[in-house]
PDB file of N, CA and C in Angstrom:
ATOM      1  N   MET A   1       8.315 -15.692 -15.427  1.00  0.00           N
ATOM      2  CA  MET A   1       7.832 -15.187 -15.429  1.00  0.00           C
ATOM      3  C   MET A   1       6.647 -14.760 -14.043  1.00  0.00           C
ATOM      4  N   ASP A   2       6.456 -13.852 -13.050  1.00  0.00           N
ATOM      5  CA  ASP A   2       5.474 -14.550 -11.751  1.00  0.00           C
ATOM      6  C   ASP A   2       4.335 -13.967 -12.164  1.00  0.00           C
ATOM      7  N   ARG A   3       2.383 -14.315 -11.202  1.00  0.00           N
ATOM      8  CA  ARG A   3       1.134 -13.843 -11.628  1.00  0.00           C
ATOM      9  C   ARG A   3       1.615 -12.135 -12.576  1.00  0.00           C
ATOM     10  N   MET A   4       2.877 -11.346 -11.193  1.00  0.00           N
ATOM     11  CA  MET A   4       2.870  -9.820 -10.982  1.00  0.00           C
ATOM     12  C   MET A   4       2.895  -9.621 -12.396  1.00  0.00           C
ATOM     13  N   GLU A   5       4.298  -9.939 -13.203  1.00  0.00           N
ATOM     14  CA  GLU A   5       5.076  -9.193 -14.193  1.00  0.00           C
ATOM     15  C   GLU A   5       3.961  -9.877 -15.185  1.00  0.00           C
ATOM     16  N   GLU A   6       2.901 -10.611 -15.306  1.00  0.00           N
ATOM     17  CA  GLU A   6       1.908 -10.885 -16.369  1.00  0.00           C
ATOM     18  C   GLU A   6       0.412  -9.861 -16.660  1.00  0.00           C
ATOM     19  N   MET A   7       0.618  -9.377 -15.119  1.00  0.00           N
ATOM     20  CA  MET A   7      -0.696  -8.252 -15.097  1.00  0.00           C
ATOM     21  C   MET A   7      -1.043  -7.343 -15.664  1.00  0.00           C
ATOM     22  N   THR A   8      -1.766  -7.481 -16.494  1.00  0.00           N
ATOM     23  CA  THR A   8      -1.896  -5.735 -16.968  1.00  0.00           C
ATOM     24  C   THR A   8      -2.850  -4.767 -16.191  1.00  0.00           C
ATOM     25  N   PHE A   9      -3.089  -3.733 -16.733  1.00  0.00           N
ATOM     26  CA  PHE A   9      -3.566  -2.927 -15.934  1.00  0.00           C
ATOM     27  C   PHE A   9      -5.100  -3.129 -16.274  1.00  0.00           C
ATOM     28  N   GLU A  10      -5.515  -3.670 -17.383  1.00  0.00           N
ATOM     29  CA  GLU A  10      -6.786  -4.325 -17.811  1.00  0.00           C
ATOM     30  C   GLU A  10      -6.885  -5.161 -16.576  1.00  0.00           C
ATOM     31  N   ASP A  11      -6.186  -6.267 -16.473  1.00  0.00           N
ATOM     32  CA  ASP A  11      -6.282  -7.462 -15.935  1.00  0.00           C
ATOM     33  C   ASP A  11      -6.988  -6.664 -14.427  1.00  0.00           C
ATOM     34  N   LEU A  12      -5.751  -5.570 -14.061  1.00  0.00           N
ATOM     35  CA  LEU A  12      -6.362  -5.421 -12.389  1.00  0.00           C
ATOM     36  C   LEU A  12      -8.173  -4.282 -12.717  1.00  0.00           C
ATOM     37  N   TRP A  13      -8.333  -3.952 -13.653  1.00  0.00           N
ATOM     38  CA  TRP A  13      -9.095  -3.137 -13.656  1.00  0.00           C
ATOM     39  C   TRP A  13     -10.430  -4.100 -13.772  1.00  0.00           C
ATOM     40  N   SER A  14     -10.469  -5.330 -14.473  1.00  0.00           N
ATOM     41  CA  SER A  14     -11.225  -5.905 -14.424  1.00  0.00           C
ATOM     42  C   SER A  14     -11.552  -6.849 -12.775  1.00  0.00           C
ATOM     43  N   ALA A  15     -10.284  -7.016 -12.388  1.00  0.00           N
ATOM     44  CA  ALA A  15     -10.100  -7.707 -10.990  1.00  0.00           C
ATOM     45  C   ALA A  15     -11.092  -6.608  -9.635  1.00  0.00           C
ATOM     46  N   LEU A  16     -10.594  -5.364 -10.310  1.00  0.00           N
ATOM     47  CA  LEU A  16     -10.929  -4.323  -9.332  1.00  0.00           C
ATOM     48  C   LEU A  16     -12.501  -3.958  -9.474  1.00  0.00           C
ATOM     49  N   LEU A  17     -13.196  -5.002 -10.467  1.00  0.00           N
ATOM     50  CA  LEU A  17     -15.156  -4.546 -10.682  1.00  0.00           C
ATOM     51  C   LEU A  17     -15.163  -5.845  -9.843  1.00  0.00           C
ATOM     52  N   ARG A  18     -14.541  -6.876 -10.334  1.00  0.00           N
ATOM     53  CA  ARG A  18     -14.723  -8.109  -9.759  1.00  0.00           C
ATOM     54  C   ARG A  18     -15.537  -7.967  -7.956  1.00  0.00           C
ATOM     55  N   PHE A  19     -14.470  -7.553  -7.542  1.00  0.00           N
ATOM     56  CA  PHE A  19     -14.246  -7.145  -5.423  1.00  0.00           C
ATOM     57  C   PHE A  19     -15.201  -5.892  -4.673  1.00  0.00           C
ATOM     58  N   GLN A  20     -15.769  -5.287  -6.040  1.00  0.00           N
ATOM     59  CA  GLN A  20     -17.127  -3.988  -5.546  1.00  0.00           C
ATOM     60  C   GLN A  20     -17.551  -4.736  -4.602  1.00  0.00           C
ATOM     61  N   SER A  21     -17.522  -3.863  -3.605  1.00  0.00           N
ATOM     62  CA  SER A  21     -18.904  -4.728  -2.431  1.00  0.00           C
ATOM     63  C   SER A  21     -17.476  -4.937  -1.371  1.00  0.00           C
ATOM     64  N   CYS A  22     -16.967  -6.073  -1.553  1.00  0.00           N
ATOM     65  CA  CYS A  22     -16.773  -6.569  -1.288  1.00  0.00           C
ATOM     66  C   CYS A  22     -15.807  -5.893   0.809  1.00  0.00           C
ATOM     67  N   PRO A  23     -15.699  -6.789   1.485  1.00  0.00           N
ATOM     68  CA  PRO A  23     -15.023  -5.409   2.495  1.00  0.00           C
ATOM     69  C   PRO A  23     -13.987  -5.493   2.788  1.00  0.00           C
ATOM     70  N   PHE A  24     -13.047  -4.980   2.615  1.00  0.00           N
ATOM     71  CA  PHE A  24     -11.676  -4.413   2.936  1.00  0.00           C
ATOM     72  C   PHE A  24     -10.883  -3.180   4.104  1.00  0.00           C
ATOM     73  N   TYR A  25     -10.005  -3.891   4.702  1.00  0.00           N
ATOM     74  CA  TYR A  25      -9.582  -3.323   5.990  1.00  0.00           C
ATOM     75  C   TYR A  25      -8.549  -2.453   5.676  1.00  0.00           C
ATOM     76  N   THR A  26      -8.480  -1.620   6.319  1.00  0.00           N
ATOM     77  CA  THR A  26      -7.049  -0.622   6.299  1.00  0.00           C
ATOM     78  C   THR A  26      -5.742  -1.257   7.115  1.00  0.00           C
ATOM     79  N   ALA A  27      -4.452  -0.397   7.017  1.00  0.00           N
ATOM     80  CA  ALA A  27      -4.071  -0.336   7.810  1.00  0.00           C
ATOM     81  C   ALA A  27      -3.877   0.203   9.068  1.00  0.00           C
ATOM     82  N   LYS A  28      -4.576   0.444   9.589  1.00  0.00           N
ATOM     83  CA  LYS A  28      -5.969   0.972  10.456  1.00  0.00           C
ATOM     84  C   LYS A  28      -6.882   0.196  11.198  1.00  0.00           C
ATOM     85  N   GLY A  29      -7.207  -0.679  10.466  1.00  0.00           N
ATOM     86  CA  GLY A  29      -7.962  -2.041  10.682  1.00  0.00           C
ATOM     87  C   GLY A  29     -10.142  -1.138  10.559  1.00  0.00           C
ATOM     88  N   LEU A  30      -9.940  -0.249  10.062  1.00  0.00           N
ATOM     89  CA  LEU A  30     -11.303   0.300   9.229  1.00  0.00           C
ATOM     90  C   LEU A  30     -11.848  -0.582   8.565  1.00  0.00           C
ATOM     91  N   GLU A  31     -12.869  -0.846   8.112  1.00  0.00           N
ATOM     92  CA  GLU A  31     -13.488  -1.590   7.356  1.00  0.00           C
ATOM     93  C   GLU A  31     -14.057  -0.450   6.316  1.00  0.00           C
ATOM     94  N   TYR A  32     -13.853  -0.842   4.886  1.00  0.00           N
ATOM     95  CA  TYR A  32     -14.565  -0.251   3.424  1.00  0.00           C
ATOM     96  C   TYR A  32     -14.647  -1.080   2.775  1.00  0.00           C
ATOM     97  N   SER A  33     -15.221  -0.925   1.845  1.00  0.00           N
ATOM     98  CA  SER A  33     -16.134  -1.279   0.592  1.00  0.00           C
ATOM     99  C   SER A  33     -16.250  -0.060  -0.358  1.00  0.00           C
ATOM    100  N   TYR A  34     -15.741  -0.381  -1.964  1.00  0.00           N
ATOM    101  CA  TYR A  34     -16.113   0.804  -2.801  1.00  0.00           C
ATOM    102  C   TYR A  34     -17.039   0.309  -4.317  1.00  0.00           C
ATOM    103  N   THR A  35     -17.226   0.816  -4.880  1.00  0.00           N
ATOM    104  CA  THR A  35     -17.981   0.827  -6.187  1.00  0.00           C
ATOM    105  C   THR A  35     -17.199   1.855  -7.262  1.00  0.00           C
ATOM    106  N   ILE A  36     -17.005   1.171  -8.441  1.00  0.00           N
ATOM    107  CA  ILE A  36     -16.710   1.475  -9.164  1.00  0.00           C
ATOM    108  C   ILE A  36     -18.156   2.048 -10.656  1.00  0.00           C
ATOM    109  N   HIS A  37     -17.245   3.500 -10.717  1.00  0.00           N
ATOM    110  CA  HIS A  37     -18.388   4.133 -11.673  1.00  0.00           C
ATOM    111  C   HIS A  37     -17.739   4.857 -12.489  1.00  0.00           C
ATOM    112  N   GLY A  38     -18.147   4.359 -13.888  1.00  0.00           N
ATOM    113  CA  GLY A  38     -17.168   4.999 -14.876  1.00  0.00           C
ATOM    114  C   GLY A  38     -15.359   4.651 -14.892  1.00  0.00           C
ATOM    115  N   GLY A  39     -15.106   5.891 -14.624  1.00  0.00           N
ATOM    116  CA  GLY A  39     -13.293   5.977 -14.529  1.00  0.00           C
ATOM    117  C   GLY A  39     -12.868   5.875 -13.388  1.00  0.00           C
ATOM    118  N   GLU A  40     -13.404   5.994 -11.722  1.00  0.00           N
ATOM    119  CA  GLU A  40     -13.751   5.919 -11.136  1.00  0.00           C
ATOM    120  C   GLU A  40     -14.156   5.049  -9.742  1.00  0.00           C
ATOM    121  N   MET A  41     -13.011   4.883  -8.895  1.00  0.00           N
ATOM    122  CA  MET A  41     -13.452   4.306  -7.862  1.00  0.00           C
ATOM    123  C   MET A  41     -14.286   5.079  -6.491  1.00  0.00           C
ATOM    124  N   LYS A  42     -15.233   4.678  -5.814  1.00  0.00           N
ATOM    125  CA  LYS A  42     -15.770   5.161  -4.738  1.00  0.00           C
ATOM    126  C   LYS A  42     -15.705   4.341  -3.364  1.00  0.00           C
ATOM    127  N   VAL A  43     -15.268   5.220  -2.428  1.00  0.00           N
ATOM    128  CA  VAL A  43     -14.659   4.637  -1.133  1.00  0.00           C
ATOM    129  C   VAL A  43     -15.419   4.893  -0.168  1.00  0.00           C
ATOM    130  N   ASP A  44     -16.800   3.987  -0.057  1.00  0.00           N
ATOM    131  CA  ASP A  44     -17.414   4.488   1.387  1.00  0.00           C
ATOM    132  C   ASP A  44     -17.380   5.086   2.271  1.00  0.00           C
ATOM    133  N   ARG A  45     -16.274   5.029   2.810  1.00  0.00           N
ATOM    134  CA  ARG A  45     -15.443   6.046   3.906  1.00  0.00           C
ATOM    135  C   ARG A  45     -14.774   7.767   3.170  1.00  0.00           C
ATOM    136  N   LYS A  46     -14.942   7.414   2.526  1.00  0.00           N
ATOM    137  CA  LYS A  46     -14.808   9.158   2.004  1.00  0.00           C
ATOM    138  C   LYS A  46     -16.036   9.414   0.816  1.00  0.00           C
ATOM    139  N   GLU A  47     -15.931  10.884   0.437  1.00  0.00           N
ATOM    140  CA  GLU A  47     -16.403  11.772  -0.141  1.00  0.00           C
ATOM    141  C   GLU A  47     -15.627  11.797  -1.724  1.00  0.00           C
ATOM    142  N   LYS A  48     -14.738  11.632  -1.520  1.00  0.00           N
ATOM    143  CA  LYS A  48     -13.988  12.214  -2.609  1.00  0.00           C
ATOM    144  C   LYS A  48     -13.474  10.500  -3.732  1.00  0.00           C
ATOM    145  N   THR A  49     -13.947  10.454  -4.598  1.00  0.00           N
ATOM    146  CA  THR A  49     -13.549   8.935  -5.343  1.00  0.00           C
ATOM    147  C   THR A  49     -11.891   9.293  -5.902  1.00  0.00           C
ATOM    148  N   ILE A  50     -11.628   8.019  -6.297  1.00  0.00           N
ATOM    149  CA  ILE A  50     -10.305   7.710  -6.766  1.00  0.00           C
ATOM    150  C   ILE A  50     -10.173   7.568  -7.871  1.00  0.00           C
ATOM    151  N   THR A  51      -9.302   8.112  -8.609  1.00  0.00           N
ATOM    152  CA  THR A  51      -9.430   8.518 -10.298  1.00  0.00           C
ATOM    153  C   THR A  51      -8.395   7.186 -10.814  1.00  0.00           C
ATOM    154  N   LYS A  52      -9.188   6.998 -11.981  1.00  0.00           N
ATOM    155  CA  LYS A  52      -8.391   5.513 -13.145  1.00  0.00           C
ATOM    156  C   LYS A  52      -7.021   5.623 -13.092  1.00  0.00           C
ATOM    157  N   SER A  53      -7.258   6.828 -13.307  1.00  0.00           N
ATOM    158  CA  SER A  53      -5.341   7.580 -13.413  1.00  0.00           C
ATOM    159  C   SER A  53      -4.808   7.553 -12.141  1.00  0.00           C
ATOM    160  N   SER A  54      -5.079   7.791 -10.928  1.00  0.00           N
ATOM    161  CA  SER A  54      -4.373   7.405 -10.405  1.00  0.00           C
ATOM    162  C   SER A  54      -4.141   5.917  -9.571  1.00  0.00           C
ATOM    163  N   ILE A  55      -4.843   5.716  -9.507  1.00  0.00           N
ATOM    164  CA  ILE A  55      -5.519   4.046  -9.688  1.00  0.00           C
ATOM    165  C   ILE A  55      -4.116   3.207 -10.773  1.00  0.00           C
ATOM    166  N   LYS A  56      -3.540   3.857 -11.726  1.00  0.00           N
ATOM    167  CA  LYS A  56      -3.041   3.785 -12.898  1.00  0.00           C
ATOM    168  C   LYS A  56      -1.181   4.009 -12.275  1.00  0.00           C
ATOM    169  N   ILE A  57      -0.934   5.010 -11.858  1.00  0.00           N
ATOM    170  CA  ILE A  57      -0.286   5.705 -11.522  1.00  0.00           C
ATOM    171  C   ILE A  57       0.296   4.584  -9.957  1.00  0.00           C
ATOM    172  N   ALA A  58      -0.548   3.865  -9.611  1.00  0.00           N
ATOM    173  CA  ALA A  58       0.216   3.808  -7.913  1.00  0.00           C
ATOM    174  C   ALA A  58       0.416   1.499  -8.379  1.00  0.00           C
ATOM    175  N   PHE A  59      -0.416   1.202  -9.579  1.00  0.00           N
ATOM    176  CA  PHE A  59      -0.130  -0.013  -9.984  1.00  0.00           C
ATOM    177  C   PHE A  59       0.480  -0.148 -10.603  1.00  0.00           C
ATOM    178  N   GLU A  60       1.362   1.479 -11.519  1.00  0.00           N
ATOM    179  CA  GLU A  60       2.958   1.321 -11.853  1.00  0.00           C
ATOM    180  C   GLU A  60       3.480   1.414 -11.101  1.00  0.00           C
ATOM    181  N   ARG A  61       3.751   1.887 -10.046  1.00  0.00           N
ATOM    182  CA  ARG A  61       4.445   1.553  -8.754  1.00  0.00           C
ATOM    183  C   ARG A  61       4.310   0.360  -7.956  1.00  0.00           C
ATOM    184  N   ALA A  62       3.941   0.108  -7.717  1.00  0.00           N
ATOM    185  CA  ALA A  62       3.731  -1.645  -7.077  1.00  0.00           C
ATOM    186  C   ALA A  62       4.194  -2.353  -7.889  1.00  0.00           C
ATOM    187  N   ARG A  63       4.220  -1.761  -9.426  1.00  0.00           N
ATOM    188  CA  ARG A  63       4.690  -3.514 -10.388  1.00  0.00           C
ATOM    189  C   ARG A  63       6.386  -3.455 -10.093  1.00  0.00           C
ATOM    190  N   GLN A  64       6.775  -2.449  -9.871  1.00  0.00           N
ATOM    191  CA  GLN A  64       8.018  -1.918  -9.641  1.00  0.00           C
ATOM    192  C   GLN A  64       8.664  -2.456  -8.457  1.00  0.00           C
ATOM    193  N   GLY A  65       7.975  -2.893  -7.470  1.00  0.00           N
ATOM    194  CA  GLY A  65       8.441  -3.964  -6.296  1.00  0.00           C
ATOM    195  C   GLY A  65       8.885  -2.509  -5.310  1.00  0.00           C
ATOM    196  N   GLY A  66       9.393  -3.195  -3.950  1.00  0.00           N
ATOM    197  CA  GLY A  66       9.508  -2.167  -3.060  1.00  0.00           C
ATOM    198  C   GLY A  66       8.384  -0.905  -2.266  1.00  0.00           C
ATOM    199  N   VAL A  67       7.129  -1.866  -3.260  1.00  0.00           N
ATOM    200  CA  VAL A  67       5.818  -1.166  -1.486  1.00  0.00           C
ATOM    201  C   VAL A  67       5.688  -2.244  -0.608  1.00  0.00           C
ATOM    202  N   SER A  68       5.960  -1.030   0.364  1.00  0.00           N
ATOM    203  CA  SER A  68       6.091  -1.689   1.624  1.00  0.00           C
ATOM    204  C   SER A  68       5.091  -1.725   2.503  1.00  0.00           C
ATOM    205  N   GLY A  69       4.327  -0.962   2.117  1.00  0.00           N
ATOM    206  CA  GLY A  69       2.896   0.514   2.891  1.00  0.00           C
ATOM    207  C   GLY A  69       2.230   1.180   1.870  1.00  0.00           C
ATOM    208  N   PRO A  70       0.968   0.973   2.379  1.00  0.00           N
ATOM    209  CA  PRO A  70       0.264   2.507   1.461  1.00  0.00           C
ATOM    210  C   PRO A  70       1.007   4.088   1.178  1.00  0.00           C
ATOM    211  N   LYS A  71       1.439   4.821   1.450  1.00  0.00           N
ATOM    212  CA  LYS A  71       2.118   5.759   1.681  1.00  0.00           C
ATOM    213  C   LYS A  71       3.880   5.756  -0.518  1.00  0.00           C
ATOM    214  N   LYS A  72       3.852   4.545  -0.043  1.00  0.00           N
ATOM    215  CA  LYS A  72       4.874   3.723  -0.822  1.00  0.00           C
ATOM    216  C   LYS A  72       4.499   4.421  -2.459  1.00  0.00           C
ATOM    217  N   LEU A  73       2.826   3.837  -2.661  1.00  0.00           N
ATOM    218  CA  LEU A  73       2.292   3.979  -3.241  1.00  0.00           C
ATOM    219  C   LEU A  73       2.443   5.219  -3.828  1.00  0.00           C
ATOM    220  N   GLY A  74       1.581   6.319  -2.596  1.00  0.00           N
ATOM    221  CA  GLY A  74       2.060   7.540  -3.705  1.00  0.00           C
ATOM    222  C   GLY A  74       1.245   8.898  -3.863  1.00  0.00           C
ATOM    223  N   VAL A  75      -0.073   8.471  -3.842  1.00  0.00           N
ATOM    224  CA  VAL A  75      -1.154   8.938  -4.117  1.00  0.00           C
ATOM    225  C   VAL A  75      -2.399   9.352  -3.423  1.00  0.00           C
ATOM    226  N   PHE A  76      -3.499   9.568  -3.907  1.00  0.00           N
ATOM    227  CA  PHE A  76      -4.197   9.972  -3.195  1.00  0.00           C
ATOM    228  C   PHE A  76      -5.567   8.363  -3.199  1.00  0.00           C
ATOM    229  N   GLY A  77      -5.739   7.857  -2.110  1.00  0.00           N
ATOM    230  CA  GLY A  77      -6.533   7.222  -1.648  1.00  0.00           C
ATOM    231  C   GLY A  77      -5.758   5.780  -1.535  1.00  0.00           C
ATOM    232  N   ALA A  78      -4.173   5.689  -1.480  1.00  0.00           N
ATOM    233  CA  ALA A  78      -3.144   4.752  -1.533  1.00  0.00           C
ATOM    234  C   ALA A  78      -3.752   3.770  -0.311  1.00  0.00           C
ATOM    235  N   SER A  79      -4.132   4.221   1.041  1.00  0.00           N
ATOM    236  CA  SER A  79      -4.982   3.742   1.941  1.00  0.00           C
ATOM    237  C   SER A  79      -5.634   2.153   1.841  1.00  0.00           C
ATOM    238  N   TYR A  80      -6.747   3.272   0.797  1.00  0.00           N
ATOM    239  CA  TYR A  80      -8.153   2.049   0.445  1.00  0.00           C
ATOM    240  C   TYR A  80      -6.780   0.824  -0.390  1.00  0.00           C
ATOM    241  N   LEU A  81      -6.355   1.363  -1.236  1.00  0.00           N
ATOM    242  CA  LEU A  81      -5.762   1.395  -2.740  1.00  0.00           C
ATOM    243  C   LEU A  81      -5.038  -0.013  -2.355  1.00  0.00           C
ATOM    244  N   TYR A  82      -4.020   0.427  -1.039  1.00  0.00           N
ATOM    245  CA  TYR A  82      -2.957  -0.980  -1.364  1.00  0.00           C
ATOM    246  C   TYR A  82      -3.753  -2.631  -0.602  1.00  0.00           C
ATOM    247  N   PRO A  83      -4.510  -2.450   0.101  1.00  0.00           N
ATOM    248  CA  PRO A  83      -5.483  -3.752   1.105  1.00  0.00           C
ATOM    249  C   PRO A  83      -5.644  -3.972  -0.112  1.00  0.00           C
ATOM    250  N   VAL A  84      -6.432  -3.726  -1.480  1.00  0.00           N
ATOM    251  CA  VAL A  84      -6.810  -4.254  -2.701  1.00  0.00           C
ATOM    252  C   VAL A  84      -5.925  -4.923  -3.583  1.00  0.00           C
ATOM    253  N   PHE A  85      -4.858  -4.439  -3.828  1.00  0.00           N
ATOM    254  CA  PHE A  85      -4.181  -4.497  -4.391  1.00  0.00           C
ATOM    255  C   PHE A  85      -3.338  -5.774  -3.469  1.00  0.00           C
ATOM    256  N   VAL A  86      -3.043  -5.922  -2.358  1.00  0.00           N
ATOM    257  CA  VAL A  86      -2.894  -7.046  -1.638  1.00  0.00           C
ATOM    258  C   VAL A  86      -3.692  -8.294  -2.277  1.00  0.00           C
ATOM    259  N   ARG A  87      -4.859  -8.152  -1.904  1.00  0.00           N
ATOM    260  CA  ARG A  87      -6.058  -8.984  -1.671  1.00  0.00           C
ATOM    261  C   ARG A  87      -5.891  -9.611  -2.901  1.00  0.00           C
ATOM    262  N   ILE A  88      -6.199  -8.431  -4.595  1.00  0.00           N
ATOM    263  CA  ILE A  88      -6.196  -9.372  -5.773  1.00  0.00           C
ATOM    264  C   ILE A  88      -4.619  -9.443  -6.582  1.00  0.00           C
ATOM    265  N   GLY A  89      -3.294  -9.859  -5.380  1.00  0.00           N
ATOM    266  CA  GLY A  89      -2.126 -10.299  -5.747  1.00  0.00           C
ATOM    267  C   GLY A  89      -0.223  -9.211  -6.615  1.00  0.00           C
ATOM    268  N   VAL A  90      -1.407  -7.694  -6.318  1.00  0.00           N
ATOM    269  CA  VAL A  90      -0.571  -6.950  -7.298  1.00  0.00           C
ATOM    270  C   VAL A  90       0.984  -6.144  -6.110  1.00  0.00           C
ATOM    271  N   ILE A  91       0.985  -6.611  -4.536  1.00  0.00           N
ATOM    272  CA  ILE A  91       1.671  -7.015  -4.078  1.00  0.00           C
ATOM    273  C   ILE A  91       1.288  -7.904  -3.407  1.00  0.00           C
ATOM    274  N   ALA A  92       2.684  -8.315  -2.826  1.00  0.00           N
ATOM    275  CA  ALA A  92       2.634  -9.677  -1.837  1.00  0.00           C
ATOM    276  C   ALA A  92       3.301  -9.300  -0.851  1.00  0.00           C
ATOM    277  N   GLU A  93       2.780  -9.787   0.616  1.00  0.00           N
ATOM    278  CA  GLU A  93       3.261  -8.764   2.118  1.00  0.00           C
ATOM    279  C   GLU A  93       3.812  -9.970   2.562  1.00  0.00           C
TER     280      GLU A  93
END
């Protein structure tokens, strides 16, 4: 069993909390960071937040495999979630 199959959503959420304020880059090379407030992820490049439920949907889709880019996650904020998922190890590039 690989690391991804063992990772739970709670593991992911803990990792998201640890990576707050770290720099990430979108596919277009735009730098951003995020913070977690309650059940939402606030990206410094956006006014709207990404909800915990959207992150969970994206996580489940990533676990199914075949995610080759942000659009495959199919949720609001996917362009910001994708690089985070890659760094955390949810998605292998």
